[in-house]
Each structure stands twice: as C-alpha cells, then as structure tokens.
C-alpha cells in the first residue's frame, strides 16, 4: 500500500527542506525548520497517530482533518462515478 502523507502547512518553494525519520516508518518534513509534513510509510501506522501527534507537539485538528479530507475526496469521487448524492 502507498504511504500516507499529511501536508500540515504551506511552505515557500525556495524553503530549506529536510526529511527526518523519527521512528520506524514515520518521517517528518521540515521547511525552514518547521514541521510542514508527516509521512507514514505504512498506512497501518495511522493507529499510532495520537501518539505521534503528541510526541511531535502537532495540532491534532490540523493532522486529523487532513486524513478526513482524503476520505471525503474518495467519497466524492465514488459519488461522481456512481451518481450518488446531490450537489
């Protein structure tokens, strides 16, 4: 399965970017020294998300809303494909 990437904030295209593995299968992306992304190499790691959020001092709503956004996008795509729902 493909990794899950959480884009947590915008960063300028010319920002100094680094990637750091903080745990087995968990990487953070920093832009100009701030955490701007979180990457879970295995989707199963999502069950550890509360622990990861707390450890990194991230805003839980910002991270969880990104996961919900991906789910909503899939639901909208399914509805468009099969004609479900009214918009």
PDB file of N, CA and C in Angstrom:
ATOM      1  N   UNK A   1       0.842  -1.183   0.000  1.00  0.00           N
ATOM      2  CA  UNK A   1       0.000   0.000   0.000  1.00  0.00           C
ATOM      3  C   UNK A   1       0.887   1.246   0.000  1.00  0.00           C
ATOM      4  N   UNK A   2       0.399   2.305  -0.608  1.00  0.00           N
ATOM      5  CA  UNK A   2       1.197   3.543  -0.645  1.00  0.00           C
ATOM      6  C   UNK A   2       1.231   4.230   0.714  1.00  0.00           C
ATOM      7  N   UNK A   3       2.274   5.000   0.956  1.00  0.00           N
ATOM      8  CA  UNK A   3       2.363   5.736   2.225  1.00  0.00           C
ATOM      9  C   UNK A   3       1.273   6.791   2.318  1.00  0.00           C
ATOM     10  N   UNK A   4       1.026   7.268   3.522  1.00  0.00           N
ATOM     11  CA  UNK A   4       0.091   8.369   3.758  1.00  0.00           C
ATOM     12  C   UNK A   4       0.922   9.613   4.044  1.00  0.00           C
ATOM     13  N   UNK A   5       0.636  10.707   3.334  1.00  0.00           N
ATOM     14  CA  UNK A   5       1.347  11.959   3.568  1.00  0.00           C
ATOM     15  C   UNK A   5       0.362  13.022   4.031  1.00  0.00           C
ATOM     16  N   UNK A   6       0.689  13.682   5.116  1.00  0.00           N
ATOM     17  CA  UNK A   6      -0.112  14.774   5.660  1.00  0.00           C
ATOM     18  C   UNK A   6       0.622  16.076   5.400  1.00  0.00           C
ATOM     19  N   UNK A   7       0.074  16.916   4.564  1.00  0.00           N
ATOM     20  CA  UNK A   7       0.626  18.245   4.349  1.00  0.00           C
ATOM     21  C   UNK A   7       0.040  19.150   5.425  1.00  0.00           C
ATOM     22  N   UNK A   8       0.867  19.632   6.333  1.00  0.00           N
ATOM     23  CA  UNK A   8       0.375  20.341   7.510  1.00  0.00           C
ATOM     24  C   UNK A   8       0.361  21.855   7.383  1.00  0.00           C
ATOM     25  N   UNK A   9       1.184  22.384   6.528  1.00  0.00           N
ATOM     26  CA  UNK A   9       1.165  23.828   6.275  1.00  0.00           C
ATOM     27  C   UNK A   9       1.919  24.107   4.990  1.00  0.00           C
ATOM     28  N   UNK A  10       1.653  25.281   4.458  1.00  0.00           N
ATOM     29  CA  UNK A  10       2.303  25.676   3.212  1.00  0.00           C
ATOM     30  C   UNK A  10       3.745  26.108   3.488  1.00  0.00           C
ATOM     31  N   UNK A  11       4.557  25.934   2.475  1.00  0.00           N
ATOM     32  CA  UNK A  11       5.952  26.337   2.585  1.00  0.00           C
ATOM     33  C   UNK A  11       6.352  26.969   1.249  1.00  0.00           C
ATOM     34  N   UNK A  12       7.217  27.953   1.318  1.00  0.00           N
ATOM     35  CA  UNK A  12       7.672  28.619   0.099  1.00  0.00           C
ATOM     36  C   UNK A  12       8.489  27.648  -0.758  1.00  0.00           C
ATOM     37  N   UNK A  13       8.410  27.756  -2.069  1.00  0.00           N
ATOM     38  CA  UNK A  13       9.143  26.832  -2.940  1.00  0.00           C
ATOM     39  C   UNK A  13      10.658  26.862  -2.731  1.00  0.00           C
ATOM     40  N   UNK A  14      11.190  27.963  -2.252  1.00  0.00           N
ATOM     41  CA  UNK A  14      12.635  28.096  -2.067  1.00  0.00           C
ATOM     42  C   UNK A  14      13.069  27.797  -0.621  1.00  0.00           C
ATOM     43  N   UNK A  15      12.156  27.280   0.195  1.00  0.00           N
ATOM     44  CA  UNK A  15      12.473  26.994   1.598  1.00  0.00           C
ATOM     45  C   UNK A  15      13.515  25.884   1.705  1.00  0.00           C
ATOM     46  N   UNK A  16      14.276  25.932   2.766  1.00  0.00           N
ATOM     47  CA  UNK A  16      15.247  24.886   3.066  1.00  0.00           C
ATOM     48  C   UNK A  16      14.473  23.682   3.595  1.00  0.00           C
ATOM     49  N   UNK A  17      14.407  22.604   2.811  1.00  0.00           N
ATOM     50  CA  UNK A  17      13.602  21.431   3.144  1.00  0.00           C
ATOM     51  C   UNK A  17      14.488  20.275   3.601  1.00  0.00           C
ATOM     52  N   UNK A  18      14.036  19.586   4.642  1.00  0.00           N
ATOM     53  CA  UNK A  18      14.731  18.395   5.111  1.00  0.00           C
ATOM     54  C   UNK A  18      13.695  17.332   5.471  1.00  0.00           C
ATOM     55  N   UNK A  19      14.119  16.080   5.413  1.00  0.00           N
ATOM     56  CA  UNK A  19      13.290  14.953   5.830  1.00  0.00           C
ATOM     57  C   UNK A  19      14.039  14.216   6.923  1.00  0.00           C
ATOM     58  N   UNK A  20      13.305  13.828   7.940  1.00  0.00           N
ATOM     59  CA  UNK A  20      13.929  13.151   9.073  1.00  0.00           C
ATOM     60  C   UNK A  20      13.052  11.976   9.496  1.00  0.00           C
ATOM     61  N   UNK A  21      13.656  10.813   9.634  1.00  0.00           N
ATOM     62  CA  UNK A  21      12.915   9.663  10.148  1.00  0.00           C
ATOM     63  C   UNK A  21      12.944   9.746  11.665  1.00  0.00           C
ATOM     64  N   UNK A  22      11.767   9.853  12.266  1.00  0.00           N
ATOM     65  CA  UNK A  22      11.702   9.999  13.720  1.00  0.00           C
ATOM     66  C   UNK A  22      11.412   8.687  14.421  1.00  0.00           C
ATOM     67  N   UNK A  23      10.926   7.736  13.680  1.00  0.00           N
ATOM     68  CA  UNK A  23      10.586   6.432  14.211  1.00  0.00           C
ATOM     69  C   UNK A  23      10.538   5.474  13.032  1.00  0.00           C
ATOM     70  N   UNK A  24      10.508   4.204  13.290  1.00  0.00           N
ATOM     71  CA  UNK A  24      10.444   3.218  12.220  1.00  0.00           C
ATOM     72  C   UNK A  24       9.177   3.431  11.391  1.00  0.00           C
ATOM     73  N   UNK A  25       9.337   3.911  10.164  1.00  0.00           N
ATOM     74  CA  UNK A  25       8.207   4.117   9.266  1.00  0.00           C
ATOM     75  C   UNK A  25       7.517   5.460   9.386  1.00  0.00           C
ATOM     76  N   UNK A  26       8.018   6.344  10.245  1.00  0.00           N
ATOM     77  CA  UNK A  26       7.420   7.667  10.433  1.00  0.00           C
ATOM     78  C   UNK A  26       8.470   8.725  10.105  1.00  0.00           C
ATOM     79  N   UNK A  27       8.147   9.587   9.150  1.00  0.00           N
ATOM     80  CA  UNK A  27       9.063  10.658   8.752  1.00  0.00           C
ATOM     81  C   UNK A  27       8.371  12.001   8.886  1.00  0.00           C
ATOM     82  N   UNK A  28       9.170  13.016   9.198  1.00  0.00           N
ATOM     83  CA  UNK A  28       8.651  14.381   9.174  1.00  0.00           C
ATOM     84  C   UNK A  28       9.390  15.148   8.085  1.00  0.00           C
ATOM     85  N   UNK A  29       8.700  16.124   7.550  1.00  0.00           N
ATOM     86  CA  UNK A  29       9.292  17.022   6.563  1.00  0.00           C
ATOM     87  C   UNK A  29       9.326  18.400   7.205  1.00  0.00           C
ATOM     88  N   UNK A  30      10.487  19.005   7.177  1.00  0.00           N
ATOM     89  CA  UNK A  30      10.648  20.354   7.730  1.00  0.00           C
ATOM     90  C   UNK A  30      10.903  21.330   6.595  1.00  0.00           C
ATOM     91  N   UNK A  31      10.282  22.475   6.698  1.00  0.00           N
ATOM     92  CA  UNK A  31      10.523  23.581   5.784  1.00  0.00           C
ATOM     93  C   UNK A  31      10.942  24.775   6.601  1.00  0.00           C
ATOM     94  N   UNK A  32      12.152  25.258   6.378  1.00  0.00           N
ATOM     95  CA  UNK A  32      12.708  26.362   7.171  1.00  0.00           C
ATOM     96  C   UNK A  32      12.624  26.068   8.665  1.00  0.00           C
ATOM     97  N   UNK A  33      12.883  24.819   9.041  1.00  0.00           N
ATOM     98  CA  UNK A  33      12.948  24.430  10.439  1.00  0.00           C
ATOM     99  C   UNK A  33      11.629  24.055  11.097  1.00  0.00           C
ATOM    100  N   UNK A  34      10.489  24.283  10.430  1.00  0.00           N
ATOM    101  CA  UNK A  34       9.184  23.953  10.997  1.00  0.00           C
ATOM    102  C   UNK A  34       8.658  22.674  10.371  1.00  0.00           C
ATOM    103  N   UNK A  35       7.915  21.881  11.140  1.00  0.00           N
ATOM    104  CA  UNK A  35       7.308  20.666  10.602  1.00  0.00           C
ATOM    105  C   UNK A  35       6.174  21.074   9.662  1.00  0.00           C
ATOM    106  N   UNK A  36       6.314  20.700   8.392  1.00  0.00           N
ATOM    107  CA  UNK A  36       5.307  21.043   7.383  1.00  0.00           C
ATOM    108  C   UNK A  36       4.632  19.808   6.789  1.00  0.00           C
ATOM    109  N   UNK A  37       5.140  18.629   7.145  1.00  0.00           N
ATOM    110  CA  UNK A  37       4.550  17.406   6.626  1.00  0.00           C
ATOM    111  C   UNK A  37       4.889  16.215   7.488  1.00  0.00           C
ATOM    112  N   UNK A  38       4.028  15.219   7.416  1.00  0.00           N
ATOM    113  CA  UNK A  38       4.201  13.981   8.159  1.00  0.00           C
ATOM    114  C   UNK A  38       3.924  12.841   7.202  1.00  0.00           C
ATOM    115  N   UNK A  39       4.815  11.874   7.167  1.00  0.00           N
ATOM    116  CA  UNK A  39       4.677  10.754   6.238  1.00  0.00           C
ATOM    117  C   UNK A  39       4.714   9.439   7.009  1.00  0.00           C
ATOM    118  N   UNK A  40       3.674   8.639   6.807  1.00  0.00           N
ATOM    119  CA  UNK A  40       3.606   7.306   7.388  1.00  0.00           C
ATOM    120  C   UNK A  40       3.860   6.324   6.258  1.00  0.00           C
ATOM    121  N   UNK A  41       4.967   5.601   6.336  1.00  0.00           N
ATOM    122  CA  UNK A  41       5.357   4.716   5.246  1.00  0.00           C
ATOM    123  C   UNK A  41       4.400   3.547   5.072  1.00  0.00           C
ATOM    124  N   UNK A  42       3.732   3.141   6.140  1.00  0.00           N
ATOM    125  CA  UNK A  42       2.734   2.079   6.083  1.00  0.00           C
ATOM    126  C   UNK A  42       1.409   2.645   6.598  1.00  0.00           C
ATOM    127  N   UNK A  43       0.322   2.513   5.842  1.00  0.00           N
ATOM    128  CA  UNK A  43      -0.969   3.044   6.298  1.00  0.00           C
ATOM    129  C   UNK A  43      -1.406   2.522   7.672  1.00  0.00           C
ATOM    130  N   UNK A  44      -0.962   1.335   8.044  1.00  0.00           N
ATOM    131  CA  UNK A  44      -1.326   0.774   9.341  1.00  0.00           C
ATOM    132  C   UNK A  44      -0.825   1.621  10.511  1.00  0.00           C
ATOM    133  N   UNK A  45       0.174   2.451  10.257  1.00  0.00           N
ATOM    134  CA  UNK A  45       0.715   3.314  11.315  1.00  0.00           C
ATOM    135  C   UNK A  45      -0.266   4.389  11.755  1.00  0.00           C
ATOM    136  N   UNK A  46      -1.356   4.544  11.032  1.00  0.00           N
ATOM    137  CA  UNK A  46      -2.349   5.551  11.394  1.00  0.00           C
ATOM    138  C   UNK A  46      -2.939   5.265  12.785  1.00  0.00           C
ATOM    139  N   UNK A  47      -2.906   4.027  13.234  1.00  0.00           N
ATOM    140  CA  UNK A  47      -3.398   3.715  14.577  1.00  0.00           C
ATOM    141  C   UNK A  47      -2.503   4.324  15.656  1.00  0.00           C
ATOM    142  N   UNK A  48      -1.273   4.678  15.309  1.00  0.00           N
ATOM    143  CA  UNK A  48      -0.348   5.323  16.256  1.00  0.00           C
ATOM    144  C   UNK A  48      -0.384   6.844  16.145  1.00  0.00           C
ATOM    145  N   UNK A  49      -1.278   7.365  15.322  1.00  0.00           N
ATOM    146  CA  UNK A  49      -1.304   8.806  15.069  1.00  0.00           C
ATOM    147  C   UNK A  49      -1.450   9.648  16.341  1.00  0.00           C
ATOM    148  N   UNK A  50      -2.328   9.307  17.287  1.00  0.00           N
ATOM    149  CA  UNK A  50      -2.397  10.132  18.507  1.00  0.00           C
ATOM    150  C   UNK A  50      -1.053  10.227  19.223  1.00  0.00           C
ATOM    151  N   UNK A  51      -0.344   9.128  19.325  1.00  0.00           N
ATOM    152  CA  UNK A  51       0.977   9.108  19.971  1.00  0.00           C
ATOM    153  C   UNK A  51       1.974   9.969  19.195  1.00  0.00           C
ATOM    154  N   UNK A  52       1.957   9.866  17.873  1.00  0.00           N
ATOM    155  CA  UNK A  52       2.885  10.629  17.019  1.00  0.00           C
ATOM    156  C   UNK A  52       2.599  12.117  17.137  1.00  0.00           C
ATOM    157  N   UNK A  53       1.324  12.481  17.107  1.00  0.00           N
ATOM    158  CA  UNK A  53       0.924  13.893  17.224  1.00  0.00           C
ATOM    159  C   UNK A  53       1.417  14.470  18.543  1.00  0.00           C
ATOM    160  N   UNK A  54       1.192  13.740  19.625  1.00  0.00           N
ATOM    161  CA  UNK A  54       1.618  14.220  20.945  1.00  0.00           C
ATOM    162  C   UNK A  54       3.137  14.336  21.025  1.00  0.00           C
ATOM    163  N   UNK A  55       3.828  13.326  20.539  1.00  0.00           N
ATOM    164  CA  UNK A  55       5.303  13.321  20.600  1.00  0.00           C
ATOM    165  C   UNK A  55       5.913  14.507  19.863  1.00  0.00           C
ATOM    166  N   UNK A  56       5.319  14.855  18.712  1.00  0.00           N
ATOM    167  CA  UNK A  56       5.857  15.948  17.900  1.00  0.00           C
ATOM    168  C   UNK A  56       5.297  17.320  18.284  1.00  0.00           C
ATOM    169  N   UNK A  57       4.297  17.334  19.153  1.00  0.00           N
ATOM    170  CA  UNK A  57       3.685  18.601  19.546  1.00  0.00           C
ATOM    171  C   UNK A  57       2.888  19.242  18.418  1.00  0.00           C
ATOM    172  N   UNK A  58       2.272  18.415  17.582  1.00  0.00           N
ATOM    173  CA  UNK A  58       1.484  18.921  16.453  1.00  0.00           C
ATOM    174  C   UNK A  58       0.062  19.244  16.907  1.00  0.00           C
ATOM    175  N   UNK A  59      -0.629  20.056  16.115  1.00  0.00           N
ATOM    176  CA  UNK A  59      -2.019  20.377  16.402  1.00  0.00           C
ATOM    177  C   UNK A  59      -2.886  19.213  15.912  1.00  0.00           C
ATOM    178  N   UNK A  60      -3.551  18.483  16.831  1.00  0.00           N
ATOM    179  CA  UNK A  60      -4.325  17.311  16.435  1.00  0.00           C
ATOM    180  C   UNK A  60      -5.367  17.600  15.357  1.00  0.00           C
ATOM    181  N   UNK A  61      -6.087  18.721  15.473  1.00  0.00           N
ATOM    182  CA  UNK A  61      -7.123  19.035  14.483  1.00  0.00           C
ATOM    183  C   UNK A  61      -6.540  19.202  13.088  1.00  0.00           C
ATOM    184  N   UNK A  62      -5.373  19.787  13.005  1.00  0.00           N
ATOM    185  CA  UNK A  62      -4.740  20.006  11.702  1.00  0.00           C
ATOM    186  C   UNK A  62      -4.378  18.662  11.051  1.00  0.00           C
ATOM    187  N   UNK A  63      -3.849  17.733  11.839  1.00  0.00           N
ATOM    188  CA  UNK A  63      -3.443  16.432  11.301  1.00  0.00           C
ATOM    189  C   UNK A  63      -4.668  15.602  10.955  1.00  0.00           C
ATOM    190  N   UNK A  64      -5.596  15.461  11.897  1.00  0.00           N
ATOM    191  CA  UNK A  64      -6.772  14.613  11.667  1.00  0.00           C
ATOM    192  C   UNK A  64      -7.637  15.146  10.532  1.00  0.00           C
ATOM    193  N   UNK A  65      -7.720  16.453  10.377  1.00  0.00           N
ATOM    194  CA  UNK A  65      -8.533  16.999   9.279  1.00  0.00           C
ATOM    195  C   UNK A  65      -7.947  16.641   7.921  1.00  0.00           C
ATOM    196  N   UNK A  66      -6.645  16.479   7.852  1.00  0.00           N
ATOM    197  CA  UNK A  66      -6.013  16.067   6.587  1.00  0.00           C
ATOM    198  C   UNK A  66      -6.399  14.634   6.235  1.00  0.00           C
ATOM    199  N   UNK A  67      -6.485  13.783   7.232  1.00  0.00           N
ATOM    200  CA  UNK A  67      -6.892  12.403   6.990  1.00  0.00           C
ATOM    201  C   UNK A  67      -8.352  12.354   6.568  1.00  0.00           C
ATOM    202  N   UNK A  68      -9.196  13.101   7.241  1.00  0.00           N
ATOM    203  CA  UNK A  68     -10.609  13.155   6.863  1.00  0.00           C
ATOM    204  C   UNK A  68     -10.784  13.728   5.473  1.00  0.00           C
ATOM    205  N   UNK A  69      -9.950  14.709   5.114  1.00  0.00           N
ATOM    206  CA  UNK A  69     -10.039  15.305   3.782  1.00  0.00           C
ATOM    207  C   UNK A  69      -9.804  14.271   2.697  1.00  0.00           C
ATOM    208  N   UNK A  70      -8.841  13.384   2.899  1.00  0.00           N
ATOM    209  CA  UNK A  70      -8.588  12.333   1.918  1.00  0.00           C
ATOM    210  C   UNK A  70      -9.785  11.402   1.813  1.00  0.00           C
ATOM    211  N   UNK A  71     -10.402  11.052   2.941  1.00  0.00           N
ATOM    212  CA  UNK A  71     -11.577  10.181   2.924  1.00  0.00           C
ATOM    213  C   UNK A  71     -12.725  10.860   2.193  1.00  0.00           C
ATOM    214  N   UNK A  72     -12.945  12.144   2.487  1.00  0.00           N
ATOM    215  CA  UNK A  72     -14.018  12.875   1.825  1.00  0.00           C
ATOM    216  C   UNK A  72     -13.804  12.925   0.323  1.00  0.00           C
ATOM    217  N   UNK A  73     -12.558  13.077  -0.091  1.00  0.00           N
ATOM    218  CA  UNK A  73     -12.264  13.133  -1.511  1.00  0.00           C
ATOM    219  C   UNK A  73     -12.617  11.805  -2.176  1.00  0.00           C
ATOM    220  N   UNK A  74     -12.291  10.694  -1.535  1.00  0.00           N
ATOM    221  CA  UNK A  74     -12.627   9.384  -2.077  1.00  0.00           C
ATOM    222  C   UNK A  74     -14.135   9.199  -2.153  1.00  0.00           C
ATOM    223  N   UNK A  75     -14.859   9.634  -1.123  1.00  0.00           N
ATOM    224  CA  UNK A  75     -16.315   9.510  -1.132  1.00  0.00           C
ATOM    225  C   UNK A  75     -16.896  10.331  -2.268  1.00  0.00           C
ATOM    226  N   UNK A  76     -16.414  11.572  -2.443  1.00  0.00           N
ATOM    227  CA  UNK A  76     -16.912  12.422  -3.528  1.00  0.00           C
ATOM    228  C   UNK A  76     -16.618  11.807  -4.892  1.00  0.00           C
ATOM    229  N   UNK A  77     -15.452  11.191  -5.028  1.00  0.00           N
ATOM    230  CA  UNK A  77     -15.093  10.579  -6.296  1.00  0.00           C
ATOM    231  C   UNK A  77     -16.012   9.381  -6.574  1.00  0.00           C
ATOM    232  N   UNK A  78     -16.301   8.591  -5.539  1.00  0.00           N
ATOM    233  CA  UNK A  78     -17.213   7.456  -5.699  1.00  0.00           C
ATOM    234  C   UNK A  78     -18.600   7.936  -6.084  1.00  0.00           C
ATOM    235  N   UNK A  79     -19.079   8.998  -5.410  1.00  0.00           N
ATOM    236  CA  UNK A  79     -20.403   9.522  -5.724  1.00  0.00           C
ATOM    237  C   UNK A  79     -20.470  10.002  -7.164  1.00  0.00           C
ATOM    238  N   UNK A  80     -19.422  10.663  -7.630  1.00  0.00           N
ATOM    239  CA  UNK A  80     -19.398  11.145  -9.006  1.00  0.00           C
ATOM    240  C   UNK A  80     -19.406   9.980  -9.991  1.00  0.00           C
ATOM    241  N   UNK A  81     -18.660   8.926  -9.658  1.00  0.00           N
ATOM    242  CA  UNK A  81     -18.572   7.778 -10.557  1.00  0.00           C
ATOM    243  C   UNK A  81     -19.899   7.032 -10.645  1.00  0.00           C
ATOM    244  N   UNK A  82     -20.575   6.859  -9.490  1.00  0.00           N
ATOM    245  CA  UNK A  82     -21.800   6.065  -9.463  1.00  0.00           C
ATOM    246  C   UNK A  82     -23.058   6.917  -9.379  1.00  0.00           C
ATOM    247  N   UNK A  83     -22.898   8.212  -9.433  1.00  0.00           N
ATOM    248  CA  UNK A  83     -24.071   9.099  -9.462  1.00  0.00           C
ATOM    249  C   UNK A  83     -24.793   9.252  -8.144  1.00  0.00           C
ATOM    250  N   UNK A  84     -24.180   8.920  -7.052  1.00  0.00           N
ATOM    251  CA  UNK A  84     -24.817   9.051  -5.743  1.00  0.00           C
ATOM    252  C   UNK A  84     -24.728  10.462  -5.202  1.00  0.00           C
ATOM    253  N   UNK A  85     -25.633  10.815  -4.350  1.00  0.00           N
ATOM    254  CA  UNK A  85     -25.594  12.113  -3.675  1.00  0.00           C
ATOM    255  C   UNK A  85     -26.016  13.259  -4.576  1.00  0.00           C
ATOM    256  N   UNK A  86     -26.454  14.328  -3.962  1.00  0.00           N
ATOM    257  CA  UNK A  86     -26.835  15.518  -4.747  1.00  0.00           C
ATOM    258  C   UNK A  86     -25.956  16.667  -4.348  1.00  0.00           C
ATOM    259  N   UNK A  87     -25.546  17.417  -5.279  1.00  0.00           N
ATOM    260  CA  UNK A  87     -24.635  18.547  -5.030  1.00  0.00           C
ATOM    261  C   UNK A  87     -25.241  19.811  -5.578  1.00  0.00           C
TER     262      UNK A  87
END
